């Protein structure tokens, strides 16, 4: 474990994070609608399941239920919660801030990705110090699958983060949208490899 010194340390991280949140933008209603129509809805329709043949819906019947399913998806996914970073990004593609870890000024400069801050704040509250995630197996998972989101990152083992990439998250089962994610906390978007097919 490495303590962050106060010189360009934890308070600097908090101030930078809060400033970034002030400038961050929410997803617009048009962006949310477009994402549902172009990504979520086609996937839900293609991979819908029925418990029995008698409960299988035709394409037209599924389309008729689209408004209701969309409302339920909005309740589960909560895309309006996201706050997307506006500004420059680091070499990783994530917004980050330079901080000093430990007391060795020559070797203590680190880049702290801002999307980790919700989990890092919890870590500071519980432990009074920050761990060096690069030396372990911890990462920040985006529950919303938005790389630049500053509020939806959670600390968890790398293996769990990778497993989220295959999470189907939502399915239409019979006539209803079901939140099928088994992770805790639950994913709020399809994993990048969900419904992956081997051609």
N, C-alpha and C. Protein backbone atom coordinates (compact mmCIF):
# COMPACT_ATOMS: atom_id res chain seq x y z
N UNK A 1 0.84 -1.19 0.00
CA UNK A 1 0.00 0.00 0.00
C UNK A 1 0.88 1.24 0.00
N UNK A 2 0.48 2.25 -0.73
CA UNK A 2 1.24 3.49 -0.81
C UNK A 2 0.36 4.66 -0.39
N UNK A 3 0.86 5.42 0.56
CA UNK A 3 0.10 6.59 0.99
C UNK A 3 0.31 7.74 0.00
N UNK A 4 -0.75 8.47 -0.25
CA UNK A 4 -0.63 9.66 -1.09
C UNK A 4 -0.26 10.83 -0.21
N UNK A 5 0.78 11.52 -0.53
CA UNK A 5 1.19 12.69 0.25
C UNK A 5 0.32 13.87 -0.17
N UNK A 6 0.22 14.87 0.70
CA UNK A 6 -0.69 15.97 0.43
C UNK A 6 -0.19 16.89 -0.67
N UNK A 7 1.12 16.90 -0.94
CA UNK A 7 1.62 17.72 -2.03
C UNK A 7 1.20 17.10 -3.36
N UNK A 8 0.26 17.77 -4.02
CA UNK A 8 -0.29 17.24 -5.28
C UNK A 8 -0.75 15.80 -5.08
N UNK A 9 -1.43 15.59 -3.97
CA UNK A 9 -1.87 14.24 -3.63
C UNK A 9 -3.38 14.10 -3.66
N UNK A 10 -3.92 13.53 -2.59
CA UNK A 10 -5.32 13.14 -2.59
C UNK A 10 -6.27 14.32 -2.75
N UNK A 11 -6.02 15.41 -2.05
CA UNK A 11 -6.91 16.57 -2.19
C UNK A 11 -6.87 17.11 -3.61
N UNK A 12 -5.71 17.05 -4.22
CA UNK A 12 -5.58 17.48 -5.62
C UNK A 12 -6.43 16.57 -6.52
N UNK A 13 -6.40 15.26 -6.23
CA UNK A 13 -7.22 14.32 -6.99
C UNK A 13 -8.71 14.66 -6.86
N UNK A 14 -9.13 14.91 -5.61
CA UNK A 14 -10.53 15.23 -5.38
C UNK A 14 -10.93 16.51 -6.10
N UNK A 15 -10.08 17.52 -6.00
CA UNK A 15 -10.39 18.80 -6.65
C UNK A 15 -10.48 18.65 -8.16
N UNK A 16 -9.54 17.89 -8.74
CA UNK A 16 -9.54 17.68 -10.18
C UNK A 16 -10.77 16.88 -10.61
N UNK A 17 -11.10 15.88 -9.82
CA UNK A 17 -12.28 15.06 -10.12
C UNK A 17 -13.56 15.89 -10.07
N UNK A 18 -13.70 16.69 -9.02
CA UNK A 18 -14.89 17.52 -8.90
C UNK A 18 -14.98 18.53 -10.04
N UNK A 19 -13.83 19.10 -10.42
CA UNK A 19 -13.81 20.04 -11.55
C UNK A 19 -14.22 19.34 -12.84
N UNK A 20 -13.75 18.11 -13.02
CA UNK A 20 -14.12 17.34 -14.21
C UNK A 20 -15.60 17.00 -14.22
N UNK A 21 -16.15 16.70 -13.05
CA UNK A 21 -17.59 16.42 -12.96
C UNK A 21 -18.41 17.64 -13.33
N UNK A 22 -17.93 18.81 -12.91
CA UNK A 22 -18.65 20.05 -13.23
C UNK A 22 -18.72 20.27 -14.74
N UNK A 23 -17.67 19.87 -15.44
CA UNK A 23 -17.61 20.07 -16.89
C UNK A 23 -18.18 18.88 -17.66
N UNK A 24 -18.35 17.74 -16.99
CA UNK A 24 -18.79 16.53 -17.68
C UNK A 24 -20.20 16.72 -18.25
N UNK A 25 -20.49 15.96 -19.28
CA UNK A 25 -21.81 16.08 -19.90
C UNK A 25 -22.60 14.78 -19.73
N UNK A 26 -23.89 14.95 -19.68
CA UNK A 26 -24.79 13.80 -19.66
C UNK A 26 -25.11 13.37 -21.08
N UNK A 27 -25.53 12.14 -21.24
CA UNK A 27 -26.02 11.70 -22.54
C UNK A 27 -27.32 12.42 -22.85
N UNK A 28 -27.46 12.89 -24.06
CA UNK A 28 -28.69 13.59 -24.45
C UNK A 28 -29.80 12.58 -24.68
N UNK A 29 -31.05 13.02 -24.59
CA UNK A 29 -32.17 12.10 -24.91
C UNK A 29 -32.04 11.51 -26.30
N UNK A 30 -31.52 12.31 -27.24
CA UNK A 30 -31.35 11.81 -28.62
C UNK A 30 -30.29 10.71 -28.67
N UNK A 31 -29.20 10.88 -27.91
CA UNK A 31 -28.16 9.85 -27.88
C UNK A 31 -28.70 8.57 -27.25
N UNK A 32 -29.47 8.71 -26.18
CA UNK A 32 -30.04 7.54 -25.51
C UNK A 32 -31.01 6.82 -26.44
N UNK A 33 -31.88 7.59 -27.10
CA UNK A 33 -32.83 6.98 -28.04
C UNK A 33 -32.09 6.28 -29.18
N UNK A 34 -31.06 6.94 -29.71
CA UNK A 34 -30.31 6.34 -30.81
C UNK A 34 -29.61 5.07 -30.40
N UNK A 35 -29.07 5.05 -29.20
CA UNK A 35 -28.37 3.84 -28.72
C UNK A 35 -29.36 2.70 -28.55
N UNK A 36 -30.51 2.99 -27.99
CA UNK A 36 -31.51 1.94 -27.83
C UNK A 36 -31.97 1.42 -29.18
N UNK A 37 -32.28 2.33 -30.11
CA UNK A 37 -32.82 1.93 -31.41
C UNK A 37 -31.80 1.19 -32.26
N UNK A 38 -30.54 1.59 -32.20
CA UNK A 38 -29.53 1.05 -33.12
C UNK A 38 -28.69 -0.07 -32.55
N UNK A 39 -28.62 -0.19 -31.22
CA UNK A 39 -27.77 -1.21 -30.59
C UNK A 39 -28.59 -2.17 -29.73
N UNK A 40 -29.29 -1.62 -28.75
CA UNK A 40 -30.00 -2.48 -27.79
C UNK A 40 -31.17 -3.21 -28.43
N UNK A 41 -32.03 -2.49 -29.10
CA UNK A 41 -33.25 -3.09 -29.63
C UNK A 41 -32.98 -4.18 -30.66
N UNK A 42 -32.13 -3.98 -31.64
CA UNK A 42 -31.85 -5.08 -32.59
C UNK A 42 -31.30 -6.32 -31.90
N UNK A 43 -30.46 -6.11 -30.87
CA UNK A 43 -29.89 -7.25 -30.15
C UNK A 43 -30.96 -7.97 -29.35
N UNK A 44 -31.80 -7.21 -28.66
CA UNK A 44 -32.87 -7.83 -27.87
C UNK A 44 -33.81 -8.64 -28.76
N UNK A 45 -34.16 -8.10 -29.91
CA UNK A 45 -35.07 -8.81 -30.81
C UNK A 45 -34.44 -10.10 -31.34
N UNK A 46 -33.18 -10.01 -31.72
CA UNK A 46 -32.51 -11.17 -32.32
C UNK A 46 -32.36 -12.31 -31.33
N UNK A 47 -32.08 -11.99 -30.07
CA UNK A 47 -31.77 -13.04 -29.09
C UNK A 47 -32.88 -13.24 -28.07
N UNK A 48 -34.11 -12.88 -28.41
CA UNK A 48 -35.21 -13.10 -27.47
C UNK A 48 -35.45 -14.60 -27.29
N UNK A 49 -35.99 -14.94 -26.13
CA UNK A 49 -36.22 -16.36 -25.81
C UNK A 49 -37.64 -16.53 -25.30
N UNK A 50 -38.14 -17.76 -25.42
CA UNK A 50 -39.48 -18.10 -24.95
C UNK A 50 -39.39 -19.36 -24.11
N UNK A 51 -40.16 -19.38 -23.04
CA UNK A 51 -40.15 -20.56 -22.17
C UNK A 51 -40.85 -21.74 -22.83
N UNK A 52 -41.82 -21.45 -23.67
CA UNK A 52 -42.52 -22.50 -24.42
C UNK A 52 -42.84 -21.96 -25.81
N UNK A 53 -43.02 -22.85 -26.80
CA UNK A 53 -43.36 -22.38 -28.16
C UNK A 53 -44.62 -21.53 -28.19
N UNK A 54 -45.57 -21.83 -27.30
CA UNK A 54 -46.83 -21.10 -27.31
C UNK A 54 -46.66 -19.64 -26.89
N UNK A 55 -45.55 -19.34 -26.20
CA UNK A 55 -45.32 -17.97 -25.74
C UNK A 55 -44.36 -17.20 -26.65
N UNK A 56 -43.94 -17.82 -27.74
CA UNK A 56 -43.05 -17.14 -28.68
C UNK A 56 -43.82 -16.04 -29.41
N UNK A 57 -43.19 -14.89 -29.51
CA UNK A 57 -43.81 -13.75 -30.15
C UNK A 57 -43.33 -13.61 -31.59
N UNK A 58 -44.21 -13.14 -32.43
CA UNK A 58 -43.82 -12.82 -33.80
C UNK A 58 -43.05 -11.50 -33.79
N UNK A 59 -42.37 -11.20 -34.90
CA UNK A 59 -41.65 -9.93 -35.00
C UNK A 59 -42.57 -8.74 -34.80
N UNK A 60 -43.78 -8.82 -35.37
CA UNK A 60 -44.73 -7.72 -35.23
C UNK A 60 -45.18 -7.56 -33.78
N UNK A 61 -45.39 -8.66 -33.09
CA UNK A 61 -45.80 -8.58 -31.68
C UNK A 61 -44.69 -7.99 -30.82
N UNK A 62 -43.43 -8.33 -31.15
CA UNK A 62 -42.31 -7.75 -30.41
C UNK A 62 -42.25 -6.25 -30.65
N UNK A 63 -42.43 -5.82 -31.90
CA UNK A 63 -42.41 -4.39 -32.23
C UNK A 63 -43.49 -3.64 -31.47
N UNK A 64 -44.66 -4.26 -31.32
CA UNK A 64 -45.75 -3.62 -30.59
C UNK A 64 -45.37 -3.37 -29.13
N UNK A 65 -44.49 -4.20 -28.59
CA UNK A 65 -44.10 -4.07 -27.19
C UNK A 65 -42.85 -3.19 -26.99
N UNK A 66 -42.32 -2.67 -28.08
CA UNK A 66 -41.09 -1.88 -27.99
C UNK A 66 -41.18 -0.71 -27.01
N UNK A 67 -42.22 0.12 -27.02
CA UNK A 67 -42.27 1.24 -26.07
C UNK A 67 -42.22 0.78 -24.61
N UNK A 68 -42.93 -0.29 -24.29
CA UNK A 68 -42.93 -0.79 -22.91
C UNK A 68 -41.57 -1.36 -22.53
N UNK A 69 -40.96 -2.08 -23.46
CA UNK A 69 -39.64 -2.65 -23.20
C UNK A 69 -38.60 -1.54 -23.06
N UNK A 70 -38.73 -0.50 -23.88
CA UNK A 70 -37.80 0.63 -23.77
C UNK A 70 -37.90 1.29 -22.40
N UNK A 71 -39.11 1.48 -21.89
CA UNK A 71 -39.28 2.08 -20.56
C UNK A 71 -38.62 1.23 -19.48
N UNK A 72 -38.76 -0.07 -19.62
CA UNK A 72 -38.16 -0.97 -18.63
C UNK A 72 -36.62 -0.95 -18.75
N UNK A 73 -36.13 -0.88 -19.98
CA UNK A 73 -34.67 -0.78 -20.19
C UNK A 73 -34.13 0.50 -19.56
N UNK A 74 -34.81 1.61 -19.73
CA UNK A 74 -34.37 2.87 -19.13
C UNK A 74 -34.31 2.76 -17.61
N UNK A 75 -35.25 2.04 -17.03
CA UNK A 75 -35.26 1.86 -15.58
C UNK A 75 -34.07 1.04 -15.12
N UNK A 76 -33.71 0.00 -15.87
CA UNK A 76 -32.59 -0.86 -15.51
C UNK A 76 -31.24 -0.20 -15.82
N UNK A 77 -31.11 0.30 -17.03
CA UNK A 77 -29.81 0.78 -17.51
C UNK A 77 -29.43 2.15 -16.95
N UNK A 78 -30.41 2.98 -16.68
CA UNK A 78 -30.20 4.32 -16.14
C UNK A 78 -29.11 5.10 -16.91
N UNK A 79 -29.23 5.21 -18.21
CA UNK A 79 -28.17 5.89 -18.98
C UNK A 79 -28.03 7.36 -18.62
N UNK A 80 -29.08 7.96 -18.05
CA UNK A 80 -29.00 9.37 -17.68
C UNK A 80 -28.07 9.61 -16.49
N UNK A 81 -27.67 8.55 -15.78
CA UNK A 81 -26.75 8.70 -14.64
C UNK A 81 -25.32 9.01 -15.09
N UNK A 82 -24.97 8.61 -16.29
CA UNK A 82 -23.58 8.75 -16.74
C UNK A 82 -23.18 10.22 -16.85
N UNK A 83 -21.92 10.48 -16.51
CA UNK A 83 -21.33 11.81 -16.69
C UNK A 83 -20.04 11.62 -17.47
N UNK A 84 -20.04 12.05 -18.72
CA UNK A 84 -18.93 11.78 -19.62
C UNK A 84 -17.89 12.89 -19.56
N UNK A 85 -16.65 12.50 -19.43
CA UNK A 85 -15.55 13.45 -19.34
C UNK A 85 -15.44 14.29 -20.60
N UNK A 86 -15.21 15.57 -20.41
CA UNK A 86 -14.99 16.50 -21.52
C UNK A 86 -13.59 17.07 -21.36
N UNK A 87 -12.75 16.88 -22.35
CA UNK A 87 -11.39 17.41 -22.26
C UNK A 87 -10.38 16.38 -22.73
N UNK A 88 -9.11 16.65 -22.42
CA UNK A 88 -8.03 15.79 -22.89
C UNK A 88 -8.02 14.47 -22.14
N UNK A 89 -7.42 13.47 -22.78
CA UNK A 89 -7.30 12.13 -22.20
C UNK A 89 -5.83 11.75 -22.14
N UNK A 90 -5.53 10.79 -21.28
CA UNK A 90 -4.16 10.31 -21.15
C UNK A 90 -3.82 9.28 -22.21
N UNK A 91 -2.63 8.70 -22.08
CA UNK A 91 -2.17 7.72 -23.05
C UNK A 91 -3.00 6.46 -23.08
N UNK A 92 -3.75 6.18 -22.00
CA UNK A 92 -4.60 4.99 -21.94
C UNK A 92 -5.93 5.20 -22.64
N UNK A 93 -6.22 6.44 -23.01
CA UNK A 93 -7.53 6.74 -23.56
C UNK A 93 -8.53 7.18 -22.51
N UNK A 94 -8.14 7.08 -21.23
CA UNK A 94 -8.97 7.52 -20.13
C UNK A 94 -8.51 8.89 -19.65
N UNK A 95 -9.42 9.73 -19.15
CA UNK A 95 -8.97 10.95 -18.49
C UNK A 95 -8.21 10.59 -17.22
N UNK A 96 -7.12 11.27 -16.95
CA UNK A 96 -6.32 10.92 -15.79
C UNK A 96 -5.67 12.15 -15.19
N UNK A 97 -5.17 12.01 -13.97
CA UNK A 97 -4.52 13.11 -13.27
C UNK A 97 -3.20 12.60 -12.70
N UNK A 98 -2.18 13.45 -12.74
CA UNK A 98 -0.88 13.08 -12.17
C UNK A 98 -0.92 13.32 -10.66
N UNK A 99 -0.51 12.32 -9.90
CA UNK A 99 -0.46 12.44 -8.44
C UNK A 99 0.85 11.86 -7.94
N UNK A 100 1.12 12.10 -6.68
CA UNK A 100 2.35 11.59 -6.08
C UNK A 100 1.98 10.53 -5.05
N UNK A 101 2.47 9.32 -5.26
CA UNK A 101 2.24 8.22 -4.33
C UNK A 101 3.50 8.00 -3.51
N UNK A 102 3.37 8.01 -2.20
CA UNK A 102 4.51 7.77 -1.34
C UNK A 102 5.35 9.01 -1.14
N UNK A 103 6.55 8.86 -0.58
CA UNK A 103 7.40 9.99 -0.24
C UNK A 103 8.65 10.10 -1.09
N UNK A 104 8.84 9.17 -2.00
CA UNK A 104 10.00 9.20 -2.88
C UNK A 104 9.66 10.05 -4.10
N UNK A 105 10.06 11.32 -4.07
CA UNK A 105 9.67 12.25 -5.12
C UNK A 105 10.19 11.83 -6.49
N UNK A 106 11.31 11.15 -6.52
CA UNK A 106 11.92 10.78 -7.80
C UNK A 106 11.13 9.67 -8.49
N UNK A 107 10.48 8.80 -7.72
CA UNK A 107 9.85 7.62 -8.30
C UNK A 107 8.36 7.49 -7.99
N UNK A 108 7.76 8.53 -7.43
CA UNK A 108 6.40 8.36 -6.93
C UNK A 108 5.32 8.95 -7.82
N UNK A 109 5.68 9.58 -8.92
CA UNK A 109 4.67 10.18 -9.78
C UNK A 109 3.85 9.08 -10.47
N UNK A 110 2.54 9.18 -10.37
CA UNK A 110 1.65 8.19 -10.96
C UNK A 110 0.53 8.89 -11.71
N UNK A 111 -0.07 8.17 -12.63
CA UNK A 111 -1.26 8.63 -13.33
C UNK A 111 -2.46 7.92 -12.72
N UNK A 112 -3.41 8.69 -12.22
CA UNK A 112 -4.60 8.12 -11.63
C UNK A 112 -5.78 8.39 -12.56
N UNK A 113 -6.32 7.36 -13.23
CA UNK A 113 -7.46 7.57 -14.12
C UNK A 113 -8.67 8.08 -13.35
N UNK A 114 -9.29 9.12 -13.85
CA UNK A 114 -10.40 9.74 -13.13
C UNK A 114 -11.62 8.84 -13.04
N UNK A 115 -11.78 7.90 -13.99
CA UNK A 115 -12.95 7.03 -13.90
C UNK A 115 -12.86 6.08 -12.70
N UNK A 116 -11.67 5.96 -12.09
CA UNK A 116 -11.52 5.14 -10.89
C UNK A 116 -11.96 5.86 -9.62
N UNK A 117 -12.20 7.16 -9.70
CA UNK A 117 -12.38 7.96 -8.50
C UNK A 117 -13.53 7.52 -7.59
N UNK A 118 -14.70 7.11 -8.10
CA UNK A 118 -15.72 6.63 -7.17
C UNK A 118 -15.22 5.47 -6.30
N UNK A 119 -14.50 4.53 -6.92
CA UNK A 119 -13.95 3.40 -6.16
C UNK A 119 -12.79 3.84 -5.28
N UNK A 120 -11.98 4.78 -5.77
CA UNK A 120 -10.84 5.27 -4.98
C UNK A 120 -11.30 6.03 -3.74
N UNK A 121 -12.38 6.79 -3.87
CA UNK A 121 -12.92 7.51 -2.71
C UNK A 121 -13.38 6.52 -1.64
N UNK A 122 -14.03 5.45 -2.08
CA UNK A 122 -14.45 4.42 -1.13
C UNK A 122 -13.25 3.77 -0.47
N UNK A 123 -12.20 3.53 -1.24
CA UNK A 123 -10.97 2.93 -0.72
C UNK A 123 -10.34 3.83 0.35
N UNK A 124 -10.31 5.13 0.10
CA UNK A 124 -9.74 6.06 1.07
C UNK A 124 -10.57 6.11 2.35
N UNK A 125 -11.90 6.07 2.19
CA UNK A 125 -12.77 6.10 3.36
C UNK A 125 -12.60 4.85 4.22
N UNK A 126 -12.41 3.71 3.57
CA UNK A 126 -12.34 2.44 4.31
C UNK A 126 -10.94 2.14 4.83
N UNK A 127 -9.90 2.53 4.07
CA UNK A 127 -8.54 2.13 4.41
C UNK A 127 -7.64 3.30 4.78
N UNK A 128 -8.04 4.52 4.44
CA UNK A 128 -7.21 5.68 4.72
C UNK A 128 -6.02 5.82 3.81
N UNK A 129 -5.96 5.04 2.77
CA UNK A 129 -4.85 5.08 1.81
C UNK A 129 -5.28 4.41 0.51
N UNK A 130 -4.48 4.63 -0.52
CA UNK A 130 -4.77 4.03 -1.81
C UNK A 130 -3.79 2.89 -2.08
N UNK A 131 -4.30 1.83 -2.68
CA UNK A 131 -3.43 0.74 -3.11
C UNK A 131 -2.98 0.99 -4.54
N UNK A 132 -1.89 0.37 -4.91
CA UNK A 132 -1.37 0.50 -6.27
C UNK A 132 -1.97 -0.63 -7.09
N UNK A 133 -3.00 -0.32 -7.86
CA UNK A 133 -3.73 -1.34 -8.59
C UNK A 133 -2.87 -2.04 -9.62
N UNK A 134 -1.88 -1.34 -10.16
CA UNK A 134 -1.05 -1.95 -11.20
C UNK A 134 -0.21 -3.10 -10.66
N UNK A 135 0.01 -3.11 -9.34
CA UNK A 135 0.77 -4.19 -8.73
C UNK A 135 -0.10 -5.37 -8.33
N UNK A 136 -1.41 -5.24 -8.50
CA UNK A 136 -2.33 -6.31 -8.13
C UNK A 136 -3.23 -6.69 -9.27
N UNK A 137 -4.42 -7.17 -8.92
CA UNK A 137 -5.34 -7.61 -9.97
C UNK A 137 -6.61 -6.78 -9.99
N UNK A 138 -6.57 -5.57 -9.42
CA UNK A 138 -7.76 -4.74 -9.34
C UNK A 138 -7.85 -3.79 -10.53
N UNK A 139 -9.09 -3.57 -10.99
CA UNK A 139 -9.37 -2.62 -12.06
C UNK A 139 -10.67 -1.91 -11.72
N UNK A 140 -10.97 -0.87 -12.49
CA UNK A 140 -12.26 -0.19 -12.38
C UNK A 140 -13.14 -0.64 -13.53
N UNK A 141 -14.26 -1.25 -13.21
CA UNK A 141 -15.20 -1.70 -14.23
C UNK A 141 -16.27 -0.64 -14.45
N UNK A 142 -16.56 -0.35 -15.71
CA UNK A 142 -17.65 0.57 -16.03
C UNK A 142 -18.95 -0.23 -16.13
N UNK A 143 -19.83 -0.05 -15.17
CA UNK A 143 -21.10 -0.77 -15.20
C UNK A 143 -21.93 -0.34 -16.40
N UNK A 144 -21.72 0.91 -16.85
CA UNK A 144 -22.50 1.46 -17.96
C UNK A 144 -21.83 1.21 -19.31
N UNK A 145 -20.61 0.69 -19.30
CA UNK A 145 -19.86 0.40 -20.53
C UNK A 145 -19.49 1.66 -21.31
N UNK A 146 -19.52 2.82 -20.64
CA UNK A 146 -19.09 4.08 -21.26
C UNK A 146 -17.69 4.39 -20.75
N UNK A 147 -16.71 4.31 -21.63
CA UNK A 147 -15.31 4.43 -21.22
C UNK A 147 -14.99 5.75 -20.54
N UNK A 148 -15.66 6.82 -20.95
CA UNK A 148 -15.35 8.14 -20.40
C UNK A 148 -16.25 8.54 -19.25
N UNK A 149 -17.10 7.62 -18.77
CA UNK A 149 -17.99 7.96 -17.66
C UNK A 149 -17.19 8.10 -16.37
N UNK A 150 -17.48 9.15 -15.61
CA UNK A 150 -16.74 9.45 -14.38
C UNK A 150 -17.45 8.96 -13.13
N UNK A 151 -18.64 8.38 -13.24
CA UNK A 151 -19.40 8.04 -12.03
C UNK A 151 -19.74 6.56 -11.89
N UNK A 152 -19.54 5.76 -12.92
CA UNK A 152 -20.02 4.37 -12.90
C UNK A 152 -18.91 3.33 -12.74
N UNK A 153 -17.71 3.74 -12.33
CA UNK A 153 -16.62 2.79 -12.15
C UNK A 153 -16.63 2.16 -10.77
N UNK A 154 -16.44 0.85 -10.71
CA UNK A 154 -16.35 0.13 -9.43
C UNK A 154 -15.07 -0.70 -9.40
N UNK A 155 -14.47 -0.81 -8.23
CA UNK A 155 -13.25 -1.59 -8.07
C UNK A 155 -13.59 -3.06 -7.92
N UNK A 156 -12.91 -3.89 -8.71
CA UNK A 156 -13.14 -5.32 -8.59
C UNK A 156 -12.00 -6.08 -9.26
N UNK A 157 -11.91 -7.40 -9.04
CA UNK A 157 -10.84 -8.18 -9.64
C UNK A 157 -10.89 -8.16 -11.17
N UNK A 158 -9.72 -8.23 -11.78
CA UNK A 158 -9.65 -8.20 -13.23
C UNK A 158 -10.49 -9.31 -13.88
N UNK A 159 -10.50 -10.49 -13.26
CA UNK A 159 -11.27 -11.61 -13.83
C UNK A 159 -12.75 -11.27 -13.91
N UNK A 160 -13.27 -10.59 -12.89
CA UNK A 160 -14.68 -10.21 -12.91
C UNK A 160 -14.93 -9.16 -13.98
N UNK A 161 -14.00 -8.25 -14.13
CA UNK A 161 -14.09 -7.24 -15.18
C UNK A 161 -14.16 -7.90 -16.55
N UNK A 162 -13.31 -8.90 -16.78
CA UNK A 162 -13.32 -9.60 -18.06
C UNK A 162 -14.63 -10.36 -18.27
N UNK A 163 -15.15 -10.94 -17.19
CA UNK A 163 -16.41 -11.69 -17.30
C UNK A 163 -17.56 -10.77 -17.68
N UNK A 164 -17.52 -9.53 -17.20
CA UNK A 164 -18.57 -8.57 -17.56
C UNK A 164 -18.60 -8.34 -19.07
N UNK A 165 -17.48 -8.49 -19.73
CA UNK A 165 -17.43 -8.28 -21.17
C UNK A 165 -18.28 -9.26 -21.94
N UNK A 166 -18.65 -10.38 -21.31
CA UNK A 166 -19.48 -11.39 -21.96
C UNK A 166 -20.91 -11.41 -21.43
N UNK A 167 -21.24 -10.44 -20.58
CA UNK A 167 -22.56 -10.42 -19.96
C UNK A 167 -23.61 -9.94 -20.96
N UNK A 168 -24.68 -10.72 -21.12
CA UNK A 168 -25.77 -10.34 -22.01
C UNK A 168 -26.70 -9.32 -21.36
N UNK A 169 -26.65 -9.22 -20.06
CA UNK A 169 -27.30 -8.15 -19.29
C UNK A 169 -28.82 -8.19 -19.35
N UNK A 170 -29.41 -8.04 -20.53
CA UNK A 170 -30.86 -8.01 -20.68
C UNK A 170 -31.29 -9.03 -21.74
N UNK A 171 -32.46 -9.61 -21.53
CA UNK A 171 -33.06 -10.48 -22.54
C UNK A 171 -34.57 -10.25 -22.55
N UNK A 172 -35.16 -10.38 -23.72
CA UNK A 172 -36.61 -10.46 -23.79
C UNK A 172 -36.98 -11.92 -23.57
N UNK A 173 -37.69 -12.17 -22.49
CA UNK A 173 -38.12 -13.53 -22.15
C UNK A 173 -39.66 -13.54 -22.22
N UNK A 174 -40.18 -14.32 -23.13
CA UNK A 174 -41.61 -14.31 -23.43
C UNK A 174 -42.02 -12.91 -23.87
N UNK A 175 -42.68 -12.16 -23.01
CA UNK A 175 -43.15 -10.82 -23.41
C UNK A 175 -42.47 -9.70 -22.65
N UNK A 176 -41.54 -10.01 -21.75
CA UNK A 176 -40.98 -9.00 -20.87
C UNK A 176 -39.46 -8.89 -21.01
N UNK A 177 -38.96 -7.70 -20.71
CA UNK A 177 -37.52 -7.50 -20.61
C UNK A 177 -37.08 -7.94 -19.23
N UNK A 178 -36.07 -8.82 -19.18
CA UNK A 178 -35.58 -9.35 -17.91
C UNK A 178 -34.11 -8.96 -17.75
N UNK A 179 -33.77 -8.51 -16.56
CA UNK A 179 -32.38 -8.15 -16.23
C UNK A 179 -31.69 -9.44 -15.81
N UNK A 180 -30.97 -10.07 -16.73
CA UNK A 180 -30.42 -11.40 -16.48
C UNK A 180 -28.98 -11.36 -15.95
N UNK A 181 -28.41 -10.18 -15.79
CA UNK A 181 -27.04 -10.08 -15.28
C UNK A 181 -26.94 -10.73 -13.92
N UNK A 182 -25.89 -11.53 -13.71
CA UNK A 182 -25.68 -12.21 -12.42
C UNK A 182 -24.57 -11.57 -11.61
N UNK A 183 -23.98 -10.48 -12.13
CA UNK A 183 -22.90 -9.81 -11.40
C UNK A 183 -23.45 -8.92 -10.30
N UNK A 184 -22.59 -8.61 -9.36
CA UNK A 184 -22.95 -7.69 -8.28
C UNK A 184 -21.81 -6.71 -8.09
N UNK A 185 -22.04 -5.41 -8.27
CA UNK A 185 -23.29 -4.81 -8.73
C UNK A 185 -23.58 -5.17 -10.18
N UNK A 186 -24.84 -5.05 -10.56
CA UNK A 186 -25.27 -5.49 -11.88
C UNK A 186 -24.74 -4.60 -13.00
N UNK A 187 -24.42 -5.24 -14.12
CA UNK A 187 -24.08 -4.49 -15.33
C UNK A 187 -25.31 -3.72 -15.80
N UNK A 188 -25.07 -2.57 -16.41
CA UNK A 188 -26.19 -1.76 -16.91
C UNK A 188 -26.16 -1.64 -18.42
N UNK A 189 -25.28 -2.43 -19.06
CA UNK A 189 -25.21 -2.43 -20.52
C UNK A 189 -24.65 -3.76 -20.99
N UNK A 190 -24.86 -4.07 -22.25
CA UNK A 190 -24.32 -5.29 -22.84
C UNK A 190 -22.81 -5.27 -22.77
N UNK A 191 -22.21 -6.42 -22.46
CA UNK A 191 -20.76 -6.53 -22.52
C UNK A 191 -20.27 -6.44 -23.96
N UNK A 192 -19.03 -6.02 -24.14
CA UNK A 192 -18.52 -5.83 -25.50
C UNK A 192 -18.48 -7.14 -26.28
N UNK A 193 -18.42 -8.27 -25.58
CA UNK A 193 -18.40 -9.57 -26.27
C UNK A 193 -19.69 -10.35 -26.08
N UNK A 194 -20.71 -9.69 -25.59
CA UNK A 194 -22.00 -10.39 -25.38
C UNK A 194 -22.53 -10.87 -26.72
N UNK A 195 -23.09 -12.06 -26.71
CA UNK A 195 -23.67 -12.67 -27.91
C UNK A 195 -22.62 -12.87 -29.00
N UNK A 196 -21.35 -12.99 -28.59
CA UNK A 196 -20.26 -13.24 -29.53
C UNK A 196 -20.51 -14.55 -30.25
N UNK A 197 -20.34 -14.56 -31.56
CA UNK A 197 -20.56 -15.76 -32.36
C UNK A 197 -19.29 -16.11 -33.13
N UNK A 198 -18.97 -17.38 -33.16
CA UNK A 198 -17.81 -17.86 -33.89
C UNK A 198 -18.21 -18.17 -35.33
N UNK A 199 -17.76 -17.30 -36.25
CA UNK A 199 -18.08 -17.53 -37.65
C UNK A 199 -17.19 -18.59 -38.25
